[in-house]
Amino acid sequence: MPADIETCELPRSALLRKYVHEEAYTDCYVTEIATSASLAEYVEAFYTTAPFKLERFILRWVVSKPSSDSDARRLALAETDSFAAWRVEGRSADQLLLCDYRHSTRSWLMVAPSERNATGTRLYFGSAVVPIRTKSGAAHMGFLFKALLGFHKLYSRVLLGAASSRFQ
């Protein structure tokens, strides 16, 4: 995994940004690659890495949401709006925002020109976890979220690192 994966603020144009205003947990990770990569190339690389294939395997058996590398490619090429446990919530030329089937989490991918290399690309990956609302309307993240947050942060770095290594 590249050592240059960093946490950062969501870019102003990030489709995930609306969840910051809804009191959701949001995060954003970024790394740079030396080559040019389109959003479609990044999405396909991300969802076909070994770590994500393990997640796809778990989703297939635990929640009956199967997917294949071919399905990931179709998602990347905007030929479908669903993939495994997710549906497309937003898409633009440089971003993809997915919502899980329970509407509790979001996954976001974005590409941008490198800030260090004229031919490179910045790869962003972020997530949102929508809070549970109490009867009074207050936002509450819940025990499971708090228990798994450390794993989520590590896993996010692993996923981004695996995807970026596809472009080496």
Protein backbone atom coordinates (compact mmCIF):
# COMPACT_ATOMS: atom_id res chain seq x y z
CA MET A 1 0.00 0.00 0.00
CA PRO A 2 1.44 3.42 -0.91
CA ALA A 3 2.56 5.44 2.09
CA ASP A 4 1.17 8.63 0.56
CA ILE A 5 -2.49 8.00 1.33
CA GLU A 6 -3.67 10.96 3.34
CA THR A 7 -6.85 12.14 4.97
CA CYS A 8 -8.12 15.44 3.66
CA GLU A 9 -11.16 17.67 3.58
CA LEU A 10 -13.77 16.88 1.00
CA PRO A 11 -13.28 19.00 -2.13
CA ARG A 12 -15.87 21.77 -2.52
CA SER A 13 -17.45 19.99 -5.48
CA ALA A 14 -17.66 16.59 -3.78
CA LEU A 15 -21.04 14.89 -4.16
CA LEU A 16 -20.46 13.48 -0.65
CA ARG A 17 -20.31 16.98 0.85
CA LYS A 18 -24.09 17.20 1.40
CA TYR A 19 -23.77 14.59 4.16
CA VAL A 20 -21.52 16.87 6.19
CA HIS A 21 -24.52 19.19 6.51
CA GLU A 22 -26.79 16.30 7.55
CA GLU A 23 -24.66 15.50 10.63
CA ALA A 24 -23.36 12.29 9.07
CA TYR A 25 -19.89 10.94 9.69
CA THR A 26 -17.85 11.69 6.59
CA ASP A 27 -14.26 11.00 5.67
CA CYS A 28 -12.03 11.58 2.70
CA TYR A 29 -8.78 9.89 1.66
CA VAL A 30 -6.58 10.89 -1.25
CA THR A 31 -3.53 9.61 -3.06
CA GLU A 32 -1.78 10.57 -6.27
CA ILE A 33 -0.72 8.34 -9.13
CA ALA A 34 1.82 9.25 -11.81
CA THR A 35 -0.47 8.43 -14.73
CA SER A 36 -3.70 9.79 -16.11
CA ALA A 37 -6.80 7.85 -15.01
CA SER A 38 -10.44 8.40 -15.87
CA LEU A 39 -13.25 7.96 -13.39
CA ALA A 40 -14.30 4.77 -15.21
CA GLU A 41 -10.79 3.32 -14.92
CA TYR A 42 -10.63 4.20 -11.23
CA VAL A 43 -14.09 2.79 -10.41
CA GLU A 44 -13.32 -0.48 -12.17
CA ALA A 45 -9.92 -0.75 -10.49
CA PHE A 46 -11.39 0.02 -7.06
CA TYR A 47 -14.21 -2.51 -7.17
CA THR A 48 -12.11 -5.33 -8.65
CA THR A 49 -9.19 -5.28 -6.18
CA ALA A 50 -8.52 -8.29 -3.97
CA PRO A 51 -9.71 -6.54 -0.76
CA PHE A 52 -12.94 -5.48 -2.41
CA LYS A 53 -13.48 -8.92 -3.92
CA LEU A 54 -13.45 -10.24 -0.35
CA GLU A 55 -16.11 -7.68 0.58
CA ARG A 56 -18.14 -8.72 -2.48
CA PHE A 57 -17.85 -12.36 -1.39
CA ILE A 58 -19.15 -11.48 2.08
CA LEU A 59 -22.03 -9.46 0.62
CA ARG A 60 -22.98 -12.35 -1.62
CA TRP A 61 -23.25 -14.82 1.25
CA VAL A 62 -24.41 -12.62 4.11
CA VAL A 63 -27.00 -10.36 2.42
CA SER A 64 -27.53 -12.12 -0.94
CA LYS A 65 -26.08 -9.23 -2.96
CA PRO A 66 -23.80 -10.90 -5.54
CA SER A 67 -21.59 -9.03 -8.00
CA SER A 68 -18.83 -9.74 -10.48
CA ASP A 69 -15.92 -7.95 -12.11
CA SER A 70 -18.19 -7.57 -15.15
CA ASP A 71 -20.77 -5.82 -12.96
CA ALA A 72 -18.05 -3.48 -11.66
CA ARG A 73 -17.06 -2.66 -15.24
CA ARG A 74 -20.67 -1.91 -16.16
CA LEU A 75 -20.94 0.41 -13.14
CA ALA A 76 -17.70 2.12 -14.14
CA LEU A 77 -18.96 2.67 -17.69
CA ALA A 78 -22.33 4.02 -16.44
CA GLU A 79 -24.15 1.07 -18.01
CA THR A 80 -25.91 0.27 -14.72
CA ASP A 81 -27.01 2.13 -11.61
CA SER A 82 -26.66 -0.78 -9.23
CA PHE A 83 -23.75 -2.84 -8.02
CA ALA A 84 -23.81 -5.47 -5.26
CA ALA A 85 -25.35 -3.76 -2.21
CA TRP A 86 -25.27 -0.24 -3.71
CA ARG A 87 -27.22 2.00 -6.04
CA VAL A 88 -25.93 5.12 -7.75
CA GLU A 89 -27.07 8.22 -5.89
CA GLY A 90 -25.03 10.66 -7.95
CA ARG A 91 -22.67 10.64 -10.88
CA SER A 92 -20.71 13.25 -12.80
CA ALA A 93 -17.76 13.16 -15.20
CA ASP A 94 -15.30 12.94 -12.29
CA GLN A 95 -17.31 11.44 -9.38
CA LEU A 96 -19.49 8.53 -8.34
CA LEU A 97 -21.64 8.46 -5.19
CA LEU A 98 -23.21 5.17 -4.12
CA CYS A 99 -25.86 4.50 -1.46
CA ASP A 100 -26.15 1.12 0.24
CA TYR A 101 -29.41 -0.82 0.08
CA ARG A 102 -30.28 0.14 3.67
CA HIS A 103 -29.66 3.85 2.98
CA SER A 104 -27.29 4.07 5.94
CA THR A 105 -23.90 4.46 4.23
CA ARG A 106 -22.47 6.18 1.17
CA SER A 107 -19.32 5.44 -0.81
CA TRP A 108 -17.75 8.10 -2.99
CA LEU A 109 -14.99 8.05 -5.60
CA MET A 110 -13.51 11.03 -7.45
CA VAL A 111 -10.63 11.72 -9.82
CA ALA A 112 -8.89 15.08 -10.31
CA PRO A 113 -5.71 16.30 -11.96
CA SER A 114 -2.61 15.82 -9.84
CA GLU A 115 -1.31 18.78 -7.91
CA ARG A 116 2.27 17.43 -8.14
CA ASN A 117 2.58 15.90 -11.59
CA ALA A 118 1.25 17.29 -14.89
CA THR A 119 0.37 13.79 -16.13
CA GLY A 120 -0.84 12.38 -12.83
CA THR A 121 -4.22 11.92 -11.16
CA ARG A 122 -5.52 12.44 -7.64
CA LEU A 123 -7.70 9.54 -6.51
CA TYR A 124 -10.22 10.30 -3.77
CA PHE A 125 -12.25 7.85 -1.70
CA GLY A 126 -14.71 8.83 0.95
CA SER A 127 -17.59 7.50 2.98
CA ALA A 128 -20.58 8.77 4.86
CA VAL A 129 -22.46 7.04 7.65
CA VAL A 130 -25.90 8.52 8.15
CA PRO A 131 -26.82 8.87 11.82
CA ILE A 132 -29.79 7.19 13.43
CA ARG A 133 -32.38 9.75 14.52
CA THR A 134 -33.77 9.52 18.02
CA LYS A 135 -37.46 10.26 18.72
CA SER A 136 -36.48 13.86 19.43
CA GLY A 137 -34.73 14.08 16.04
CA ALA A 138 -31.22 14.19 17.48
CA ALA A 139 -28.47 12.46 15.49
CA HIS A 140 -26.97 9.34 17.09
CA MET A 141 -24.24 7.20 15.56
CA GLY A 142 -24.78 4.03 17.57
CA PHE A 143 -22.54 1.47 19.24
CA LEU A 144 -21.67 -0.55 16.13
CA PHE A 145 -20.42 2.55 14.31
CA LYS A 146 -18.18 3.49 17.22
CA ALA A 147 -16.91 -0.08 17.59
CA LEU A 148 -15.98 -0.40 13.90
CA LEU A 149 -14.65 3.10 13.17
CA GLY A 150 -10.97 2.18 13.61
CA PHE A 151 -11.37 -0.78 11.26
CA HIS A 152 -13.22 1.39 8.74
CA LYS A 153 -10.40 3.94 8.64
CA LEU A 154 -7.77 1.23 8.10
CA TYR A 155 -9.91 -0.57 5.51
CA SER A 156 -10.47 2.69 3.60
CA ARG A 157 -6.71 3.13 3.28
CA VAL A 158 -6.29 -0.49 2.20
CA LEU A 159 -8.97 -0.12 -0.49
CA LEU A 160 -7.53 3.12 -1.86
CA GLY A 161 -4.01 1.71 -1.79
CA ALA A 162 -5.08 -1.43 -3.65
CA ALA A 163 -6.88 0.60 -6.31
CA SER A 164 -3.98 3.02 -6.78
CA SER A 165 -1.52 0.14 -7.13
CA ARG A 166 -3.44 -0.94 -10.25
CA PHE A 167 -2.04 2.15 -12.00
CA GLN A 168 1.63 1.50 -11.14
